[in-house]
């Protein structure tokens, strides 16, 4: 019986380490420079602060509108709120009044 030995090529033993280095390099680069990487943490923090401020403004506006709705839908509508709403919707003012627009 005759056997033939194949000589292993020297580059075959470098395939797995080369692929490993390529994968580590790819993921390392994107963990540093990617959209959610270490460099973008500052930009994300700035965006978080901006959105928190916007949320506070929107909540304040919502509370203001809820108070106005509560005054209108209490069952006993206050006279000045009724007058203000009527003047706003009908676009009416007396001659001796000064009108300020928001």
C-alpha atoms as a PDB file:
ATOM      1  CA  UNK A   1       0.000   0.000   0.000  1.00  0.00           C
ATOM      2  CA  UNK A   2       1.327   3.295  -1.000  1.00  0.00           C
ATOM      3  CA  UNK A   3       0.527   6.577   0.711  1.00  0.00           C
ATOM      4  CA  UNK A   4       1.277   9.986  -0.525  1.00  0.00           C
ATOM      5  CA  UNK A   5       1.898  12.751   1.942  1.00  0.00           C
ATOM      6  CA  UNK A   6       0.876  16.219   1.005  1.00  0.00           C
ATOM      7  CA  UNK A   7       3.069  19.023   2.063  1.00  0.00           C
ATOM      8  CA  UNK A   8       1.061  21.591   3.946  1.00  0.00           C
ATOM      9  CA  UNK A   9       1.346  25.016   2.502  1.00  0.00           C
ATOM     10  CA  UNK A  10       2.666  27.580   4.937  1.00  0.00           C
ATOM     11  CA  UNK A  11      -0.166  30.107   4.343  1.00  0.00           C
ATOM     12  CA  UNK A  12      -2.885  27.641   5.442  1.00  0.00           C
ATOM     13  CA  UNK A  13      -1.897  28.020   9.090  1.00  0.00           C
ATOM     14  CA  UNK A  14      -2.408  31.825   8.843  1.00  0.00           C
ATOM     15  CA  UNK A  15      -6.033  31.710   7.675  1.00  0.00           C
ATOM     16  CA  UNK A  16      -7.670  31.534  11.132  1.00  0.00           C
ATOM     17  CA  UNK A  17      -5.409  34.185  12.750  1.00  0.00           C
ATOM     18  CA  UNK A  18      -5.867  36.505   9.738  1.00  0.00           C
ATOM     19  CA  UNK A  19      -9.651  36.179   9.895  1.00  0.00           C
ATOM     20  CA  UNK A  20      -9.558  36.740  13.664  1.00  0.00           C
ATOM     21  CA  UNK A  21      -7.483  39.902  13.308  1.00  0.00           C
ATOM     22  CA  UNK A  22      -9.831  41.154  10.576  1.00  0.00           C
ATOM     23  CA  UNK A  23     -12.907  40.566  12.766  1.00  0.00           C
ATOM     24  CA  UNK A  24     -11.310  42.174  15.839  1.00  0.00           C
ATOM     25  CA  UNK A  25     -10.232  45.155  13.750  1.00  0.00           C
ATOM     26  CA  UNK A  26     -13.690  45.602  12.225  1.00  0.00           C
ATOM     27  CA  UNK A  27     -15.571  45.412  15.520  1.00  0.00           C
ATOM     28  CA  UNK A  28     -12.937  47.436  17.353  1.00  0.00           C
ATOM     29  CA  UNK A  29     -13.140  50.249  14.817  1.00  0.00           C
ATOM     30  CA  UNK A  30     -16.939  50.373  14.955  1.00  0.00           C
ATOM     31  CA  UNK A  31     -17.041  50.214  18.746  1.00  0.00           C
ATOM     32  CA  UNK A  32     -14.924  53.369  18.787  1.00  0.00           C
ATOM     33  CA  UNK A  33     -16.197  55.309  15.747  1.00  0.00           C
ATOM     34  CA  UNK A  34     -19.642  53.789  15.118  1.00  0.00           C
ATOM     35  CA  UNK A  35     -23.055  55.410  15.572  1.00  0.00           C
ATOM     36  CA  UNK A  36     -23.242  54.219  19.191  1.00  0.00           C
ATOM     37  CA  UNK A  37     -19.503  54.063  19.794  1.00  0.00           C
ATOM     38  CA  UNK A  38     -17.373  55.790  22.374  1.00  0.00           C
ATOM     39  CA  UNK A  39     -16.817  58.929  20.284  1.00  0.00           C
ATOM     40  CA  UNK A  40     -20.534  59.487  19.745  1.00  0.00           C
ATOM     41  CA  UNK A  41     -21.369  59.366  23.469  1.00  0.00           C
ATOM     42  CA  UNK A  42     -20.945  63.146  23.766  1.00  0.00           C
ATOM     43  CA  UNK A  43     -23.310  63.805  20.844  1.00  0.00           C
ATOM     44  CA  UNK A  44     -25.866  61.425  22.340  1.00  0.00           C
ATOM     45  CA  UNK A  45     -25.605  63.206  25.704  1.00  0.00           C
ATOM     46  CA  UNK A  46     -26.185  66.607  24.043  1.00  0.00           C
ATOM     47  CA  UNK A  47     -29.222  65.209  22.233  1.00  0.00           C
ATOM     48  CA  UNK A  48     -30.536  63.739  25.495  1.00  0.00           C
ATOM     49  CA  UNK A  49     -30.291  67.137  27.216  1.00  0.00           C
ATOM     50  CA  UNK A  50     -32.071  68.874  24.307  1.00  0.00           C
ATOM     51  CA  UNK A  51     -34.876  66.319  24.328  1.00  0.00           C
ATOM     52  CA  UNK A  52     -35.221  66.570  28.113  1.00  0.00           C
ATOM     53  CA  UNK A  53     -35.625  70.355  27.855  1.00  0.00           C
ATOM     54  CA  UNK A  54     -38.165  69.950  25.061  1.00  0.00           C
ATOM     55  CA  UNK A  55     -40.086  67.434  27.165  1.00  0.00           C
ATOM     56  CA  UNK A  56     -40.176  69.879  30.086  1.00  0.00           C
ATOM     57  CA  UNK A  57     -41.549  72.644  27.826  1.00  0.00           C
ATOM     58  CA  UNK A  58     -44.196  70.316  26.387  1.00  0.00           C
ATOM     59  CA  UNK A  59     -45.251  69.111  29.838  1.00  0.00           C
ATOM     60  CA  UNK A  60     -45.575  72.712  31.019  1.00  0.00           C
ATOM     61  CA  UNK A  61     -47.728  73.555  28.001  1.00  0.00           C
ATOM     62  CA  UNK A  62     -49.850  70.452  28.571  1.00  0.00           C
ATOM     63  CA  UNK A  63     -50.448  71.410  32.228  1.00  0.00           C
ATOM     64  CA  UNK A  64     -51.403  74.931  31.144  1.00  0.00           C
ATOM     65  CA  UNK A  65     -53.896  73.563  28.613  1.00  0.00           C
ATOM     66  CA  UNK A  66     -55.280  71.105  31.175  1.00  0.00           C
ATOM     67  CA  UNK A  67     -55.903  73.981  33.598  1.00  0.00           C
ATOM     68  CA  UNK A  68     -57.734  75.936  30.892  1.00  0.00           C
ATOM     69  CA  UNK A  69     -59.844  72.906  29.981  1.00  0.00           C
ATOM     70  CA  UNK A  70     -60.626  72.318  33.654  1.00  0.00           C
ATOM     71  CA  UNK A  71     -61.866  75.901  33.971  1.00  0.00           C
ATOM     72  CA  UNK A  72     -64.028  75.502  30.870  1.00  0.00           C
ATOM     73  CA  UNK A  73     -65.460  72.062  31.635  1.00  0.00           C
ATOM     74  CA  UNK A  74     -66.013  72.395  35.378  1.00  0.00           C
ATOM     75  CA  UNK A  75     -69.761  72.605  34.943  1.00  0.00           C
ATOM     76  CA  UNK A  76     -69.781  76.200  36.132  1.00  0.00           C
ATOM     77  CA  UNK A  77     -67.806  77.981  33.422  1.00  0.00           C
ATOM     78  CA  UNK A  78     -66.087  81.049  34.752  1.00  0.00           C
ATOM     79  CA  UNK A  79     -67.336  84.248  33.202  1.00  0.00           C
ATOM     80  CA  UNK A  80     -63.948  85.606  32.152  1.00  0.00           C
ATOM     81  CA  UNK A  81     -62.964  82.308  30.480  1.00  0.00           C
ATOM     82  CA  UNK A  82     -66.263  82.211  28.633  1.00  0.00           C
ATOM     83  CA  UNK A  83     -65.817  85.830  27.565  1.00  0.00           C
ATOM     84  CA  UNK A  84     -62.218  85.179  26.431  1.00  0.00           C
ATOM     85  CA  UNK A  85     -63.195  82.120  24.380  1.00  0.00           C
ATOM     86  CA  UNK A  86     -66.169  83.862  22.792  1.00  0.00           C
ATOM     87  CA  UNK A  87     -64.082  86.886  21.816  1.00  0.00           C
ATOM     88  CA  UNK A  88     -61.350  84.651  20.403  1.00  0.00           C
ATOM     89  CA  UNK A  89     -63.654  82.511  18.282  1.00  0.00           C
ATOM     90  CA  UNK A  90     -65.954  85.305  17.148  1.00  0.00           C
ATOM     91  CA  UNK A  91     -63.129  87.823  16.678  1.00  0.00           C
ATOM     92  CA  UNK A  92     -65.067  90.510  18.516  1.00  0.00           C
ATOM     93  CA  UNK A  93     -63.863  93.373  20.713  1.00  0.00           C
ATOM     94  CA  UNK A  94     -65.481  96.509  22.058  1.00  0.00           C
ATOM     95  CA  UNK A  95     -64.336  99.906  20.847  1.00  0.00           C
ATOM     96  CA  UNK A  96     -62.874 100.926  24.210  1.00  0.00           C
ATOM     97  CA  UNK A  97     -60.801  97.736  24.651  1.00  0.00           C
ATOM     98  CA  UNK A  98     -57.153  97.126  23.895  1.00  0.00           C
ATOM     99  CA  UNK A  99     -56.474  93.684  22.405  1.00  0.00           C
ATOM    100  CA  UNK A 100     -53.156  91.881  22.841  1.00  0.00           C
ATOM    101  CA  UNK A 101     -52.394  88.909  20.625  1.00  0.00           C
ATOM    102  CA  UNK A 102     -50.072  86.090  21.728  1.00  0.00           C
END
